[in-house]
Amino acid sequence: MAEIAMQFDIAAPRDVVLAALNTHDGLTSWWTTEVDRDEDEVLLFDFPGVPEPFRLRRERADRDRVVWTNVGTFPPHWAGTWISWELADQPGDPGRTRLLFRHGGWQPGTEEGVPTVAGTWAELIVRLKDYVQSGKVQPYFVKAPEHTA
């Protein structure tokens, strides 16, 4: 079964990285401007041009790991997938974080989309890294405000 995995060393403490992965302000600073959370700890990520939000249930969020499970019907090729962010102090420097990102659980027949998804994740993680290191807000996906007449 296919799995996307990437490791990054980040010049920021774990608590800062955790906040970027587990708070509204954090997620909207590097991923998408449209993030919501329902009462069941399901994160709703809305993107320009998609028919419905991605729905990721927060399974775990602590200093060591953040885990989300896809519970929505969109996008269909994400059905049954999970996303894990493992956080550890960078060896020899507790003020820096080693981040291991994994996106797995791809079902047979959906593997052809994995390279494209991996490329998008790589770009997103660079933005996450830039955000936690500099504080510069630059979400990858920006949903334009709706205009009313």
Protein backbone atom coordinates (compact mmCIF):
# COMPACT_ATOMS: atom_id res chain seq x y z
CA MET A 1 0.00 0.00 0.00
CA ALA A 2 1.36 3.43 -0.94
CA GLU A 3 2.44 5.92 1.69
CA ILE A 4 3.82 9.44 1.49
CA ALA A 5 6.58 10.15 4.02
CA MET A 6 8.78 13.24 4.47
CA GLN A 7 11.07 14.40 7.24
CA PHE A 8 12.01 18.01 7.97
CA ASP A 9 14.16 19.72 10.58
CA ILE A 10 12.54 22.94 11.71
CA ALA A 11 14.17 25.82 13.61
CA ALA A 12 11.27 26.16 16.06
CA PRO A 13 10.28 24.40 19.30
CA ARG A 14 7.77 21.55 19.26
CA ASP A 15 5.04 23.59 20.97
CA VAL A 16 5.18 26.16 18.15
CA VAL A 17 4.95 23.43 15.51
CA LEU A 18 2.12 21.75 17.42
CA ALA A 19 0.16 25.03 17.51
CA ALA A 20 0.57 25.35 13.73
CA LEU A 21 -0.91 21.86 13.30
CA ASN A 22 -3.63 22.02 15.92
CA THR A 23 -5.09 25.53 16.09
CA HIS A 24 -7.29 27.51 13.74
CA ASP A 25 -4.78 30.35 13.49
CA GLY A 26 -1.96 27.90 12.88
CA LEU A 27 -3.71 25.91 10.13
CA THR A 28 -4.97 29.00 8.34
CA SER A 29 -1.47 30.47 8.33
CA TRP A 30 0.06 27.86 6.04
CA TRP A 31 -2.61 25.54 4.57
CA THR A 32 -5.95 27.15 3.71
CA THR A 33 -7.80 30.25 4.84
CA GLU A 34 -10.99 28.21 5.36
CA VAL A 35 -10.71 25.87 8.36
CA ASP A 36 -13.46 24.97 10.79
CA ARG A 37 -13.92 22.30 13.45
CA ASP A 38 -17.14 20.58 14.41
CA GLU A 39 -18.20 19.19 17.78
CA ASP A 40 -16.81 15.73 16.96
CA GLU A 41 -13.25 17.05 16.51
CA VAL A 42 -13.61 16.82 12.73
CA LEU A 43 -11.56 19.47 10.99
CA LEU A 44 -13.24 20.92 7.90
CA PHE A 45 -10.78 22.17 5.28
CA ASP A 46 -12.39 24.13 2.45
CA PHE A 47 -10.48 24.91 -0.72
CA PRO A 48 -11.21 27.05 -3.78
CA GLY A 49 -13.11 25.19 -6.48
CA VAL A 50 -13.97 22.05 -4.50
CA PRO A 51 -17.58 20.91 -3.99
CA GLU A 52 -17.25 20.22 -0.26
CA PRO A 53 -14.67 20.48 2.52
CA PHE A 54 -12.15 17.77 3.28
CA ARG A 55 -13.16 16.19 6.61
CA LEU A 56 -10.35 15.02 8.86
CA ARG A 57 -11.12 13.70 12.35
CA ARG A 58 -8.52 14.59 14.93
CA GLU A 59 -7.51 11.30 16.57
CA ARG A 60 -4.59 12.65 18.56
CA ALA A 61 -2.87 15.96 19.15
CA ASP A 62 -0.04 16.22 21.67
CA ARG A 63 3.64 17.21 21.78
CA ASP A 64 4.67 13.91 20.15
CA ARG A 65 2.11 13.34 17.43
CA VAL A 66 -0.88 14.78 15.59
CA VAL A 67 -3.04 12.24 13.76
CA TRP A 68 -6.01 12.87 11.47
CA THR A 69 -8.24 10.29 9.77
CA ASN A 70 -10.19 11.16 6.64
CA VAL A 71 -13.90 10.70 7.40
CA GLY A 72 -15.40 12.54 4.44
CA THR A 73 -16.48 11.48 0.98
CA PHE A 74 -14.36 14.13 -0.73
CA PRO A 75 -11.90 13.79 -2.24
CA PRO A 76 -12.82 10.19 -3.08
CA HIS A 77 -9.20 9.03 -3.45
CA TRP A 78 -8.54 10.04 0.19
CA ALA A 79 -11.14 7.52 1.47
CA GLY A 80 -9.71 5.60 4.40
CA THR A 81 -6.46 7.55 4.50
CA TRP A 82 -4.77 8.95 7.59
CA ILE A 83 -2.25 11.73 8.16
CA SER A 84 0.37 11.64 10.90
CA TRP A 85 2.74 14.37 12.06
CA GLU A 86 5.39 13.05 14.46
CA LEU A 87 7.24 15.72 16.41
CA ALA A 88 10.53 15.21 18.24
CA ASP A 89 13.30 17.43 19.51
CA GLN A 90 16.04 17.66 16.95
CA PRO A 91 19.01 15.66 18.30
CA GLY A 92 21.31 17.96 20.26
CA ASP A 93 18.97 20.96 20.11
CA PRO A 94 15.65 20.90 22.02
CA GLY A 95 14.74 24.32 20.55
CA ARG A 96 14.42 22.72 17.11
CA THR A 97 11.89 20.14 15.92
CA ARG A 98 12.28 17.09 13.74
CA LEU A 99 8.97 16.57 11.91
CA LEU A 100 8.10 13.26 10.28
CA PHE A 101 5.03 13.59 8.07
CA ARG A 102 3.17 10.53 6.77
CA HIS A 103 -0.01 10.17 4.69
CA GLY A 104 -1.04 6.54 4.29
CA GLY A 105 -3.92 4.14 3.99
CA TRP A 106 -4.39 4.62 0.25
CA GLN A 107 -6.85 2.08 -1.09
CA PRO A 108 -6.11 -0.09 -4.14
CA GLY A 109 -6.85 1.85 -7.30
CA THR A 110 -6.06 5.25 -5.79
CA GLU A 111 -2.26 5.02 -5.90
CA GLU A 112 -2.01 6.89 -9.21
CA GLY A 113 -2.92 10.13 -7.39
CA VAL A 114 -0.24 9.72 -4.73
CA PRO A 115 2.59 11.54 -6.60
CA THR A 116 0.43 14.63 -7.13
CA VAL A 117 -0.71 14.61 -3.50
CA ALA A 118 2.92 14.15 -2.37
CA GLY A 119 3.98 17.19 -4.39
CA THR A 120 1.24 19.30 -2.82
CA TRP A 121 2.18 18.10 0.68
CA ALA A 122 5.84 19.01 0.02
CA GLU A 123 4.80 22.57 -0.87
CA LEU A 124 2.49 22.77 2.15
CA ILE A 125 5.17 21.56 4.55
CA VAL A 126 7.62 24.16 3.24
CA ARG A 127 4.97 26.79 4.06
CA LEU A 128 4.41 25.24 7.49
CA LYS A 129 8.16 25.35 8.13
CA ASP A 130 8.42 28.96 6.95
CA TYR A 131 5.46 29.96 9.11
CA VAL A 132 6.74 28.43 12.36
CA GLN A 133 10.27 29.72 11.80
CA SER A 134 9.39 33.29 10.76
CA GLY A 135 5.77 33.92 11.69
CA LYS A 136 5.07 34.82 8.05
CA VAL A 137 1.47 33.94 7.18
CA GLN A 138 1.18 32.56 3.65
CA PRO A 139 -1.57 29.97 3.23
CA TYR A 140 -1.22 27.83 0.13
CA PHE A 141 -4.96 27.92 -0.60
CA VAL A 142 -6.77 31.23 -0.30
CA LYS A 143 -10.51 31.20 -0.78
CA ALA A 144 -11.76 34.45 -2.27
CA PRO A 145 -14.52 36.19 -0.33
CA GLU A 146 -17.99 35.80 -1.77
CA HIS A 147 -19.45 38.96 -3.23
CA THR A 148 -23.07 39.87 -2.73
CA ALA A 149 -24.97 42.30 -4.88
